[in-house]
Amino acid sequence: MSDTIYITGHKNPDSDSICAALAYADFKNGNGDMKAIPIRLGDMNLETKFILDYFDVEEPMLLETLRLSVEDLSFDKVAPISADISLRMALNIMKINNINSLPIVDDDEKIIGIVTVSDIIQNYIDVWDNTVLGKAGTSIDNIIDTLSAKPIVIPENAKEMTGKISILAMDLHSIKDKDYENSVVICGNRRDIQEFAINSGISLMIITGSGEVDEDLMKLADERNITILSTPYDTFMASRLITQSIPVSHSMTTENLVLFELDDLVDDVKVQMSQTRYRSYPVVDHNKRVVGLISRYHLISSMKKKVILVDHNERSQSVDGLEESEILEIIDHHRVADVFTGNPIYFRNEPVGSTSTIIANIFFENGRRPSKKIAGILAAAIISDTLLLKSPTATNIDKMMLDRLAKIADMDIEKFAEEMFKAGTSLTGRTPQELLNQDFKAFTIKKEKIGISQVYTMDPESLNNMRDELIELMEERAQEYGYSIFILMLTDIFNQASEMITVGEHKSLAAKAFDKKLVNNSFFAPGVLSRKKQVVPPITEILSNVE
């Protein structure tokens, strides 16, 4: 994660915001020293979709927050184990991977439990029951692996190990009066002891010191479904190790498991960890399959996500969790607002009509020629944000950059602009919610919260049927979010004017700022195309005079 940088525009993204993020990520990735990921903070509007489809550019990933999630952490990537492996094997896996827990899964790879070093140690301390092998359902394979044993007799229908574990190390007279039915016996290569054990109805005989068994005894054992193994260990080591062949299912924790998913926020994980005392916790993916383990150490050593902001520098317009990330750069063409950084950063703010103009300039300043696709989306964004250079925010720099990019993209500016605006301004089938969300920005002016949505259209009359519903929704939002002025700019691109549908406590002041009066929550503003340059400044000025 430390080499990954997220590049994002503002919420309710417009074409300039999306295209600037895509192009700057392409520029950064071309340097080869980092991984830049363009992201978006909301749904793209029709115009932006048209641009990306036209130039065959993939849309940026939707990312709703920069808050750290479990997926961002360098947690222990460890494969889960099945419930039937031995405690000894589980302990070896933990030792090799330098971890203290192992998740246990079923045949569908879904978690069913967890076993820790403490569980295994506690099992060794608590084993006073010498019938534990049978009770735990220990397999012959586990015993073979644990004792590094060689199979001598493996009957087709082997007897179950329901008896006790016994060491037959004394003379025959001392042991012959005891019950060994279905027991597991450990003995040496003495024939008389081996024969006695087989005749006593045991289930498993373990010969220590790599001892052997005579052919006739092997045949007798097979007839009576008795298993015989030979281990290189001596009697002491064999008796010490055999209980480590117990399956982990006997010692694992299965109830009240605490586990986390990859998209769980680190803040939430910290809270849950503070309420429990486990050393490690399983991490599962979206299919509930185990992908690793996380501990408190991983939270302490976590790093902030790195981010570059384009086309905005206001916290209210930016991504959730911005305060928890590390801002590396800001590239914008709006007023300087309230984004704070902990360290000095690269901040580039220019009075041009589009952030994409600045991004294009960065390419050329560094001797880089954008690809045909990138040049195309940058040119399209400049056309969009400057309304084909008709907006008062447009500058000669925007025009020069647009001409240069259009040549690289091999595009007819006028023809493309007409197609783009036609596709982007269609209001057919649109809902009031969509119209208010597609290009919305919030501002704080003299402690007053202002909300401004802007919709471009070639057919303003198409909104007439939903006007009442639109005003009602605007009033609800103004009250919910505390906007003293909430404006919907319905901008007619080619007639170069905007209808200002306005609600809120100070709605009359908004009209007054333009020397207009509200009629049915609306006033007409000829020549007003730019929210940034022609709407925010006069509202700021009039609110400054309000006591």
Protein backbone atom coordinates (compact mmCIF):
# COMPACT_ATOMS: atom_id res chain seq x y z
CA MET A 1 0.00 0.00 0.00
CA SER A 2 2.90 2.39 0.68
CA ASP A 3 3.66 2.74 -3.08
CA THR A 4 0.00 3.17 -4.06
CA ILE A 5 -1.43 6.64 -4.59
CA TYR A 6 -5.11 7.36 -5.11
CA ILE A 7 -5.95 10.28 -7.40
CA THR A 8 -9.43 11.66 -6.97
CA GLY A 9 -11.66 14.50 -8.02
CA HIS A 10 -14.60 15.77 -5.98
CA LYS A 11 -17.90 14.22 -4.96
CA ASN A 12 -20.68 14.21 -7.56
CA PRO A 13 -17.94 14.27 -10.19
CA ASP A 14 -18.17 16.20 -13.45
CA SER A 15 -16.18 15.49 -16.60
CA ASP A 16 -13.21 17.65 -15.59
CA SER A 17 -12.95 15.88 -12.24
CA ILE A 18 -12.99 12.38 -13.77
CA CYS A 19 -10.78 13.12 -16.78
CA ALA A 20 -8.20 15.02 -14.72
CA ALA A 21 -7.88 12.08 -12.31
CA LEU A 22 -7.52 9.57 -15.15
CA ALA A 23 -4.96 11.66 -17.02
CA TYR A 24 -2.85 12.52 -13.98
CA ALA A 25 -2.78 8.86 -12.94
CA ASP A 26 -1.51 8.05 -16.44
CA PHE A 27 1.18 10.71 -16.06
CA LYS A 28 2.26 9.40 -12.65
CA ASN A 29 2.34 5.78 -13.77
CA GLY A 30 4.50 6.81 -16.69
CA ASN A 31 7.20 7.83 -14.21
CA GLY A 32 7.45 4.19 -13.11
CA ASP A 33 8.18 4.83 -9.42
CA MET A 34 4.67 4.39 -8.04
CA LYS A 35 1.25 2.90 -8.66
CA ALA A 36 -1.31 5.63 -9.22
CA ILE A 37 -4.98 4.61 -9.13
CA PRO A 38 -7.63 7.04 -10.40
CA ILE A 39 -10.82 6.87 -8.38
CA ARG A 40 -14.24 8.50 -8.42
CA LEU A 41 -16.44 9.45 -5.49
CA GLY A 42 -19.82 9.00 -7.13
CA ASP A 43 -21.70 8.06 -10.27
CA MET A 44 -20.58 9.58 -13.54
CA ASN A 45 -22.96 11.81 -15.45
CA LEU A 46 -24.12 11.15 -19.01
CA GLU A 47 -21.60 13.55 -20.49
CA THR A 48 -18.63 11.88 -18.79
CA LYS A 49 -19.83 8.44 -19.84
CA PHE A 50 -20.04 9.69 -23.41
CA ILE A 51 -16.46 10.99 -23.24
CA LEU A 52 -14.99 7.76 -21.85
CA ASP A 53 -16.96 5.61 -24.29
CA TYR A 54 -15.95 7.83 -27.20
CA PHE A 55 -12.23 7.49 -26.45
CA ASP A 56 -12.50 3.91 -25.13
CA VAL A 57 -11.13 4.75 -21.69
CA GLU A 58 -12.04 2.62 -18.68
CA GLU A 59 -13.92 4.46 -15.95
CA PRO A 60 -12.09 4.98 -12.63
CA MET A 61 -12.82 2.75 -9.67
CA LEU A 62 -15.51 3.87 -7.24
CA LEU A 63 -14.04 4.39 -3.77
CA GLU A 64 -16.33 5.73 -1.09
CA THR A 65 -13.76 6.18 1.67
CA LEU A 66 -10.03 6.52 2.26
CA ARG A 67 -10.33 5.19 5.77
CA LEU A 68 -8.03 2.24 6.28
CA SER A 69 -9.65 -1.15 5.92
CA VAL A 70 -8.30 -4.58 6.78
CA GLU A 71 -7.39 -5.09 3.13
CA ASP A 72 -4.93 -2.19 3.37
CA LEU A 73 -2.96 -3.79 6.20
CA SER A 74 0.02 -6.14 5.90
CA PHE A 75 -1.65 -8.88 7.90
CA ASP A 76 -0.29 -12.44 7.99
CA LYS A 77 -1.17 -14.23 4.76
CA VAL A 78 -1.42 -17.82 5.97
CA ALA A 79 -3.28 -20.75 4.45
CA PRO A 80 -5.94 -22.29 6.69
CA ILE A 81 -5.72 -25.93 7.80
CA SER A 82 -8.23 -28.77 7.93
CA ALA A 83 -9.60 -30.01 11.24
CA ASP A 84 -8.05 -33.47 10.95
CA ILE A 85 -4.35 -32.53 10.86
CA SER A 86 -2.32 -33.28 13.98
CA LEU A 87 -1.45 -30.86 16.73
CA ARG A 88 2.22 -31.49 15.95
CA MET A 89 1.79 -30.50 12.31
CA ALA A 90 -0.19 -27.40 13.33
CA LEU A 91 2.57 -26.41 15.73
CA ASN A 92 5.21 -26.88 13.02
CA ILE A 93 3.21 -24.69 10.62
CA MET A 94 2.99 -21.96 13.25
CA LYS A 95 6.72 -22.19 13.90
CA ILE A 96 7.65 -22.02 10.21
CA ASN A 97 5.38 -18.99 9.61
CA ASN A 98 6.22 -17.33 12.94
CA ILE A 99 2.58 -17.05 13.93
CA ASN A 100 0.68 -18.09 17.05
CA SER A 101 -2.71 -19.09 15.58
CA LEU A 102 -4.15 -21.05 12.69
CA PRO A 103 -7.64 -20.81 11.21
CA ILE A 104 -9.41 -24.12 10.58
CA VAL A 105 -11.80 -24.62 7.68
CA ASP A 106 -14.24 -27.22 6.41
CA ASP A 107 -14.31 -28.85 2.97
CA ASP A 108 -15.86 -25.70 1.49
CA GLU A 109 -13.01 -23.59 2.91
CA LYS A 110 -15.39 -21.85 5.33
CA ILE A 111 -14.00 -21.19 8.79
CA ILE A 112 -15.12 -23.53 11.58
CA GLY A 113 -12.58 -22.74 14.29
CA ILE A 114 -9.17 -21.48 15.31
CA VAL A 115 -6.31 -23.15 17.19
CA THR A 116 -3.54 -21.30 19.00
CA VAL A 117 -0.18 -22.19 20.51
CA SER A 118 -1.81 -21.79 23.90
CA ASP A 119 -4.51 -24.31 22.97
CA ILE A 120 -1.89 -26.88 22.01
CA ILE A 121 0.26 -26.29 25.10
CA GLN A 122 -2.82 -26.51 27.30
CA ASN A 123 -3.69 -29.82 25.66
CA TYR A 124 -0.26 -31.23 26.59
CA ILE A 125 -0.62 -30.02 30.17
CA ASP A 126 -4.16 -31.35 30.56
CA VAL A 127 -3.71 -34.80 28.98
CA TRP A 128 -4.29 -37.14 31.93
CA ASP A 129 -6.85 -39.20 30.05
CA ASN A 130 -4.92 -42.10 28.48
CA THR A 131 -7.86 -42.88 26.19
CA VAL A 132 -7.60 -39.47 24.48
CA LEU A 133 -6.48 -40.86 21.09
CA GLY A 134 -9.77 -42.62 20.54
CA LYS A 135 -11.92 -39.88 22.02
CA ALA A 136 -10.28 -37.31 19.74
CA GLY A 137 -10.77 -39.45 16.65
CA THR A 138 -7.05 -39.67 15.95
CA SER A 139 -6.20 -41.21 12.57
CA ILE A 140 -3.45 -43.74 11.89
CA ASP A 141 -2.03 -41.31 9.33
CA ASN A 142 -1.59 -38.68 12.04
CA ILE A 143 0.22 -41.17 14.27
CA ILE A 144 2.46 -42.26 11.38
CA ASP A 145 3.38 -38.65 10.60
CA THR A 146 3.92 -37.67 14.24
CA LEU A 147 6.12 -40.67 15.08
CA SER A 148 7.84 -40.80 11.67
CA ALA A 149 6.63 -44.38 11.71
CA LYS A 150 6.75 -47.14 9.10
CA PRO A 151 3.57 -49.20 8.58
CA ILE A 152 4.08 -52.90 9.19
CA VAL A 153 0.49 -54.11 9.32
CA ILE A 154 -2.45 -51.97 8.14
CA PRO A 155 -5.61 -54.15 8.18
CA GLU A 156 -8.44 -53.33 5.81
CA ASN A 157 -10.88 -53.09 8.74
CA ALA A 158 -8.59 -51.80 11.49
CA LYS A 159 -9.93 -51.83 15.05
CA GLU A 160 -10.82 -48.51 16.62
CA MET A 161 -8.52 -47.12 19.29
CA THR A 162 -11.09 -46.91 22.07
CA GLY A 163 -8.79 -48.19 24.84
CA LYS A 164 -5.96 -46.63 26.77
CA ILE A 165 -2.32 -45.90 25.86
CA SER A 166 0.03 -48.40 27.56
CA ILE A 167 3.77 -48.91 27.62
CA LEU A 168 4.73 -52.59 27.77
CA ALA A 169 8.27 -52.26 29.06
CA MET A 170 8.11 -54.61 32.06
CA ASP A 171 8.39 -58.38 32.09
CA LEU A 172 5.46 -60.45 30.90
CA HIS A 173 4.47 -61.57 34.38
CA SER A 174 3.96 -57.95 35.51
CA ILE A 175 1.62 -56.97 32.69
CA LYS A 176 -0.42 -60.05 31.85
CA ASP A 177 -3.22 -59.47 34.38
CA LYS A 178 -4.27 -56.09 32.96
CA ASP A 179 -6.93 -55.26 30.37
CA TYR A 180 -5.58 -54.13 27.01
CA GLU A 181 -8.71 -54.53 24.87
CA ASN A 182 -8.61 -51.99 21.96
CA SER A 183 -5.61 -50.29 23.56
CA VAL A 184 -2.63 -48.59 21.96
CA VAL A 185 0.54 -50.25 23.21
CA ILE A 186 4.13 -49.08 22.89
CA CYS A 187 6.76 -51.79 23.16
CA GLY A 188 10.16 -52.92 21.93
CA ASN A 189 11.15 -55.82 19.70
CA ARG A 190 10.60 -58.57 22.31
CA ARG A 191 8.55 -61.33 20.66
CA ASP A 192 6.87 -62.50 23.87
CA ILE A 193 5.52 -58.99 24.64
CA GLN A 194 4.41 -58.47 21.03
CA GLU A 195 2.59 -61.81 20.94
CA PHE A 196 0.93 -61.15 24.29
CA ALA A 197 -0.28 -57.75 23.12
CA ILE A 198 -1.78 -59.15 19.94
CA ASN A 199 -3.53 -61.90 21.86
CA SER A 200 -4.86 -59.30 24.35
CA GLY A 201 -7.06 -57.71 21.69
CA ILE A 202 -5.22 -54.39 21.28
CA SER A 203 -6.01 -52.09 18.37
CA LEU A 204 -2.55 -50.60 17.68
CA MET A 205 0.99 -51.71 18.50
CA ILE A 206 3.92 -49.32 18.12
CA ILE A 207 7.37 -50.90 18.00
CA THR A 208 10.10 -48.49 19.15
CA GLY A 209 13.72 -48.24 17.98
CA SER A 210 12.76 -49.28 14.42
CA GLY A 211 12.03 -52.76 15.77
CA GLU A 212 10.60 -55.55 13.64
CA VAL A 213 7.88 -58.17 13.99
CA ASP A 214 8.04 -61.83 12.95
CA GLU A 215 5.99 -62.91 9.94
CA ASP A 216 3.65 -65.15 11.92
CA LEU A 217 2.81 -62.32 14.36
CA MET A 218 2.20 -59.95 11.45
CA LYS A 219 -0.21 -62.47 9.96
CA LEU A 220 -1.95 -62.93 13.31
CA ALA A 221 -2.32 -59.17 13.76
CA ASP A 222 -3.79 -58.78 10.29
CA GLU A 223 -6.32 -61.54 10.97
CA ARG A 224 -7.40 -59.75 14.14
CA ASN A 225 -7.52 -56.28 12.49
CA ILE A 226 -4.66 -54.96 14.63
CA THR A 227 -2.43 -52.24 13.23
CA ILE A 228 1.34 -52.41 13.76
CA LEU A 229 3.74 -49.48 13.24
CA SER A 230 7.49 -49.20 13.73
CA THR A 231 9.00 -45.88 14.86
CA PRO A 232 12.69 -44.88 15.02
CA TYR A 233 12.05 -43.14 18.36
CA ASP A 234 12.78 -44.81 21.68
CA THR A 235 10.03 -45.58 24.16
CA PHE A 236 10.33 -42.28 26.00
CA MET A 237 10.08 -40.15 22.84
CA ALA A 238 7.31 -42.25 21.33
CA SER A 239 5.18 -41.99 24.47
CA ARG A 240 5.91 -38.26 24.66
CA LEU A 241 5.02 -37.55 21.05
CA ILE A 242 2.01 -39.76 20.46
CA THR A 243 -0.50 -37.38 22.04
CA GLN A 244 0.67 -34.75 19.54
CA SER A 245 -1.02 -36.85 16.84
CA ILE A 246 -4.43 -35.76 18.16
CA PRO A 247 -6.34 -33.75 15.48
CA VAL A 248 -6.67 -30.02 15.99
CA SER A 249 -10.44 -30.44 16.05
CA HIS A 250 -10.01 -31.72 19.62
CA SER A 251 -8.39 -28.47 20.81
CA MET A 252 -9.72 -25.74 18.51
CA THR A 253 -12.07 -22.96 19.56
CA THR A 254 -15.35 -23.08 17.67
CA GLU A 255 -17.71 -20.80 19.59
CA ASN A 256 -17.88 -16.99 19.71
CA LEU A 257 -15.27 -16.64 17.00
CA VAL A 258 -14.25 -13.05 16.24
CA LEU A 259 -13.27 -12.59 12.62
CA PHE A 260 -12.94 -9.67 10.23
CA GLU A 261 -13.67 -9.13 6.56
CA LEU A 262 -11.32 -7.44 4.11
CA ASP A 263 -13.51 -4.34 3.83
CA ASP A 264 -13.96 -3.85 7.58
CA LEU A 265 -12.69 -0.43 8.64
CA VAL A 266 -9.63 -0.43 10.90
CA ASP A 267 -11.39 1.88 13.36
CA ASP A 268 -14.13 -0.72 13.83
CA VAL A 269 -11.54 -3.50 14.13
CA LYS A 270 -9.78 -1.63 16.93
CA VAL A 271 -13.01 -1.38 18.89
CA GLN A 272 -13.72 -5.10 18.58
CA MET A 273 -10.16 -6.05 19.49
CA SER A 274 -10.30 -3.85 22.59
CA GLN A 275 -13.27 -5.91 23.79
CA THR A 276 -11.53 -9.28 23.42
CA ARG A 277 -8.23 -10.80 24.48
CA TYR A 278 -7.26 -12.95 21.50
CA ARG A 279 -3.77 -12.58 20.02
CA SER A 280 -4.84 -13.14 16.41
CA TYR A 281 -8.09 -12.97 14.47
CA PRO A 282 -9.04 -14.65 11.18
CA VAL A 283 -9.55 -12.48 8.10
CA VAL A 284 -12.07 -13.63 5.49
CA ASP A 285 -12.81 -12.45 1.97
CA HIS A 286 -16.19 -11.58 0.47
CA ASN A 287 -16.93 -15.30 0.05
CA LYS A 288 -16.22 -15.93 3.74
CA ARG A 289 -13.05 -17.82 2.89
CA VAL A 290 -10.04 -17.37 5.13
CA VAL A 291 -7.19 -15.31 3.67
CA GLY A 292 -5.03 -14.73 6.76
CA LEU A 293 -4.71 -13.54 10.33
CA ILE A 294 -4.61 -10.08 11.87
CA SER A 295 -3.27 -9.02 15.26
CA ARG A 296 -2.91 -5.78 17.20
CA TYR A 297 0.61 -5.44 15.84
CA HIS A 298 -0.73 -4.99 12.33
CA LEU A 299 -2.92 -2.10 13.48
CA ILE A 300 -0.02 -0.35 15.18
CA SER A 301 2.21 -0.69 12.12
CA SER A 302 -0.44 0.47 9.63
CA MET A 303 0.30 3.32 7.23
CA LYS A 304 -1.94 6.07 5.92
CA LYS A 305 -3.31 5.94 2.41
CA LYS A 306 -1.71 8.43 0.05
CA VAL A 307 -3.91 10.68 -2.05
CA ILE A 308 -3.70 13.41 -4.68
CA LEU A 309 -6.64 15.78 -5.03
CA VAL A 310 -7.58 17.21 -8.43
CA ASP A 311 -10.26 19.76 -9.31
CA HIS A 312 -11.07 20.59 -5.67
CA ASN A 313 -9.49 21.55 -2.37
CA GLU A 314 -12.48 21.70 -0.03
CA ARG A 315 -12.98 19.00 2.60
CA SER A 316 -16.77 18.98 2.15
CA GLN A 317 -16.30 18.12 -1.53
CA SER A 318 -13.65 15.47 -0.97
CA VAL A 319 -13.52 11.81 -0.11
CA ASP A 320 -14.62 10.41 3.24
CA GLY A 321 -11.61 9.69 5.44
CA LEU A 322 -9.50 12.43 3.88
CA GLU A 323 -8.36 13.54 7.34
CA GLU A 324 -6.91 10.06 7.95
CA SER A 325 -4.94 9.98 4.70
CA GLU A 326 -1.71 11.63 3.59
CA ILE A 327 -2.31 14.31 0.95
CA LEU A 328 0.67 14.48 -1.42
CA GLU A 329 -0.52 16.98 -4.02
CA ILE A 330 -3.42 19.24 -4.93
CA ILE A 331 -4.03 20.40 -8.51
CA ASP A 332 -6.99 22.72 -8.91
CA HIS A 333 -8.43 25.81 -10.58
CA HIS A 334 -10.91 26.82 -7.85
CA ARG A 335 -10.54 29.14 -4.89
CA VAL A 336 -8.19 28.04 -2.11
CA ALA A 337 -10.37 26.53 0.60
CA ASP A 338 -9.96 24.48 3.77
CA VAL A 339 -7.99 21.30 3.09
CA PHE A 340 -5.26 20.97 5.73
CA THR A 341 -2.06 18.97 5.40
CA GLY A 342 0.45 17.78 7.95
CA ASN A 343 3.44 18.34 5.69
CA PRO A 344 4.41 20.68 2.85
CA ILE A 345 2.92 19.44 -0.43
CA TYR A 346 2.95 20.21 -4.13
CA PHE A 347 0.02 22.61 -4.56
CA ARG A 348 -0.75 23.90 -8.02
CA ASN A 349 -3.66 26.29 -8.40
CA GLU A 350 -4.09 28.27 -11.60
CA PRO A 351 -6.83 30.69 -12.76
CA VAL A 352 -7.79 28.69 -15.83
CA GLY A 353 -11.11 27.24 -16.95
CA SER A 354 -10.35 23.58 -16.32
CA THR A 355 -8.11 21.42 -14.15
CA SER A 356 -7.50 19.32 -17.25
CA THR A 357 -5.76 22.33 -18.78
CA ILE A 358 -3.25 22.21 -15.91
CA ILE A 359 -2.81 18.43 -16.22
CA ALA A 360 -2.16 18.74 -19.94
CA ASN A 361 0.37 21.46 -19.27
CA ILE A 362 2.16 19.19 -16.76
CA PHE A 363 2.56 16.57 -19.52
CA PHE A 364 4.11 19.06 -21.92
CA GLU A 365 6.28 20.77 -19.29
CA ASN A 366 7.89 17.40 -18.59
CA GLY A 367 8.49 16.59 -22.23
CA ARG A 368 5.70 14.03 -22.26
CA ARG A 369 3.18 13.71 -25.08
CA PRO A 370 -0.13 12.30 -23.85
CA SER A 371 -1.51 9.34 -25.74
CA LYS A 372 -4.34 9.86 -28.21
CA LYS A 373 -6.88 8.61 -25.66
CA ILE A 374 -5.57 10.76 -22.81
CA ALA A 375 -5.32 13.81 -25.06
CA GLY A 376 -8.91 13.17 -26.09
CA ILE A 377 -10.38 13.02 -22.59
CA LEU A 378 -8.36 16.08 -21.52
CA ALA A 379 -9.65 18.05 -24.52
CA ALA A 380 -13.20 16.90 -23.82
CA ALA A 381 -12.92 17.98 -20.18
CA ILE A 382 -11.71 21.44 -21.20
CA ILE A 383 -14.65 21.76 -23.62
CA SER A 384 -17.01 20.70 -20.84
CA ASP A 385 -15.67 22.91 -18.06
CA THR A 386 -15.33 26.01 -20.24
CA LEU A 387 -18.56 25.37 -22.19
CA LEU A 388 -16.56 25.31 -25.43
CA LEU A 389 -14.55 28.33 -24.25
CA LYS A 390 -17.75 30.39 -23.81
CA SER A 391 -17.58 30.43 -20.02
CA PRO A 392 -16.10 33.53 -18.36
CA THR A 393 -13.63 31.22 -16.66
CA ALA A 394 -12.08 30.28 -20.02
CA THR A 395 -8.64 31.73 -20.76
CA ASN A 396 -6.23 31.86 -23.67
CA ILE A 397 -4.29 29.07 -21.99
CA ASP A 398 -7.38 26.85 -22.15
CA LYS A 399 -7.77 27.62 -25.85
CA MET A 400 -4.11 26.96 -26.66
CA MET A 401 -4.13 23.69 -24.72
CA LEU A 402 -7.42 22.56 -26.29
CA ASP A 403 -6.07 23.14 -29.80
CA ARG A 404 -2.87 21.24 -29.01
CA LEU A 405 -4.71 18.29 -27.47
CA ALA A 406 -7.27 18.15 -30.28
CA LYS A 407 -4.49 17.70 -32.83
CA ILE A 408 -3.06 14.76 -30.88
CA ALA A 409 -6.53 13.23 -30.45
CA ASP A 410 -7.40 13.91 -34.12
CA MET A 411 -10.74 15.41 -33.18
CA ASP A 412 -12.99 18.10 -34.68
CA ILE A 413 -13.61 20.34 -31.67
CA GLU A 414 -16.92 21.87 -32.79
CA LYS A 415 -18.41 18.58 -33.98
CA PHE A 416 -17.32 16.68 -30.88
CA ALA A 417 -18.63 19.41 -28.57
CA GLU A 418 -22.05 19.31 -30.19
CA GLU A 419 -22.25 15.51 -29.82
CA MET A 420 -20.98 15.62 -26.25
CA PHE A 421 -23.34 18.35 -25.05
CA LYS A 422 -26.28 16.69 -26.77
CA ALA A 423 -25.52 13.37 -25.05
CA GLY A 424 -24.78 14.97 -21.71
CA THR A 425 -27.68 17.37 -21.41
CA SER A 426 -30.52 15.04 -22.21
CA LEU A 427 -33.04 15.21 -19.36
CA THR A 428 -35.27 12.44 -20.65
CA GLY A 429 -36.03 9.94 -17.92
CA ARG A 430 -34.03 11.84 -15.31
CA THR A 431 -35.34 12.12 -11.75
CA PRO A 432 -35.10 15.17 -9.46
CA GLN A 433 -32.65 13.21 -7.27
CA GLU A 434 -30.36 12.56 -10.23
CA LEU A 435 -30.45 16.18 -11.36
CA LEU A 436 -29.52 17.51 -7.92
CA ASN A 437 -26.73 14.97 -7.46
CA GLN A 438 -25.02 14.95 -10.84
CA ASP A 439 -22.94 18.12 -10.33
CA PHE A 440 -23.42 19.37 -6.78
CA LYS A 441 -20.99 21.32 -4.65
CA ALA A 442 -21.29 22.64 -1.12
CA PHE A 443 -19.62 25.82 0.12
CA THR A 444 -19.24 27.52 3.47
CA ILE A 445 -19.46 31.30 3.11
CA LYS A 446 -19.31 33.48 6.22
CA LYS A 447 -20.43 30.50 8.33
CA GLU A 448 -23.42 29.99 6.02
CA LYS A 449 -23.71 26.61 4.25
CA ILE A 450 -24.51 27.01 0.55
CA GLY A 451 -25.40 24.21 -1.88
CA ILE A 452 -25.24 24.67 -5.65
CA SER A 453 -26.18 22.07 -8.27
CA GLN A 454 -25.66 22.76 -11.96
CA VAL A 455 -27.38 21.08 -14.88
CA TYR A 456 -26.52 21.88 -18.50
CA THR A 457 -29.23 21.43 -21.08
CA MET A 458 -30.26 22.37 -24.60
CA ASP A 459 -33.92 21.98 -23.64
CA PRO A 460 -34.72 23.87 -20.39
CA GLU A 461 -38.48 23.44 -20.89
CA SER A 462 -38.15 19.69 -20.40
CA LEU A 463 -37.96 20.33 -16.64
CA ASN A 464 -41.37 21.96 -16.40
CA ASN A 465 -43.23 18.75 -15.58
CA MET A 466 -41.04 18.03 -12.56
CA ARG A 467 -40.47 21.60 -11.31
CA ASP A 468 -42.74 21.34 -8.24
CA GLU A 469 -41.26 18.00 -7.22
CA LEU A 470 -37.77 19.39 -7.75
CA ILE A 471 -38.39 22.42 -5.50
CA GLU A 472 -39.92 20.22 -2.81
CA LEU A 473 -36.85 17.95 -2.81
CA MET A 474 -34.51 20.96 -2.70
CA GLU A 475 -36.34 22.35 0.35
CA GLU A 476 -36.06 18.97 2.10
CA ARG A 477 -32.33 18.85 1.48
CA ALA A 478 -31.81 22.45 2.52
CA GLN A 479 -33.46 21.70 5.83
CA GLU A 480 -31.67 18.35 6.29
CA TYR A 481 -28.17 19.68 5.62
CA GLY A 482 -28.61 23.23 6.88
CA TYR A 483 -28.18 25.06 3.56
CA SER A 484 -29.33 28.65 3.98
CA ILE A 485 -29.21 28.93 0.17
CA PHE A 486 -29.68 25.97 -2.17
CA ILE A 487 -29.55 26.74 -5.90
CA LEU A 488 -30.11 24.61 -8.96
CA MET A 489 -28.46 26.29 -11.94
CA LEU A 490 -30.29 25.21 -15.07
CA THR A 491 -27.74 26.36 -17.64
CA ASP A 492 -28.59 26.78 -21.31
CA ILE A 493 -25.20 26.34 -22.97
CA PHE A 494 -25.84 27.86 -26.36
CA ASN A 495 -28.08 30.71 -25.22
CA GLN A 496 -25.50 31.42 -22.51
CA ALA A 497 -27.88 31.93 -19.59
CA SER A 498 -29.04 30.15 -16.44
CA GLU A 499 -32.31 29.82 -14.64
CA MET A 500 -31.60 29.88 -10.90
CA ILE A 501 -34.11 27.74 -8.99
CA THR A 502 -33.53 28.72 -5.37
CA VAL A 503 -34.70 27.65 -1.89
CA GLY A 504 -33.52 28.17 1.68
CA GLU A 505 -33.69 30.73 4.47
CA HIS A 506 -31.70 33.32 2.52
CA LYS A 507 -33.06 32.49 -0.95
CA SER A 508 -34.12 36.10 -1.51
CA LEU A 509 -30.53 37.23 -0.89
CA ALA A 510 -29.37 34.94 -3.69
CA ALA A 511 -31.67 36.73 -6.11
CA LYS A 512 -30.67 40.11 -4.69
CA ALA A 513 -27.02 39.30 -5.36
CA PHE A 514 -27.93 39.38 -9.07
CA ASP A 515 -30.31 42.37 -8.74
CA LYS A 516 -33.24 40.04 -9.33
CA LYS A 517 -36.41 39.05 -7.49
CA LEU A 518 -37.62 35.53 -6.90
CA VAL A 519 -40.73 34.44 -8.71
CA ASN A 520 -41.93 30.98 -7.82
CA ASN A 521 -38.51 30.18 -6.33
CA SER A 522 -36.75 31.17 -9.55
CA PHE A 523 -34.99 34.02 -11.32
CA PHE A 524 -33.30 34.31 -14.71
CA ALA A 525 -29.60 35.18 -14.99
CA PRO A 526 -28.49 36.10 -18.53
CA GLY A 527 -24.81 35.48 -19.24
CA VAL A 528 -24.33 33.43 -16.06
CA LEU A 529 -22.63 30.14 -16.90
CA SER A 530 -19.97 29.64 -14.23
CA ARG A 531 -20.82 28.58 -10.70
CA LYS A 532 -17.30 29.33 -9.50
CA LYS A 533 -16.76 32.71 -11.12
CA GLN A 534 -20.24 34.16 -11.55
CA VAL A 535 -22.32 32.73 -8.70
CA VAL A 536 -20.14 32.15 -5.64
CA PRO A 537 -18.50 35.64 -5.65
CA PRO A 538 -21.71 37.75 -5.63
CA ILE A 539 -23.32 35.48 -3.02
CA THR A 540 -20.18 35.77 -0.90
CA GLU A 541 -20.33 39.55 -1.16
CA ILE A 542 -23.98 39.86 -0.19
CA LEU A 543 -23.66 37.42 2.71
CA SER A 544 -20.72 39.45 3.99
CA ASN A 545 -23.09 42.37 4.50
CA VAL A 546 -25.67 40.33 6.44
CA GLU A 547 -25.55 41.03 10.16
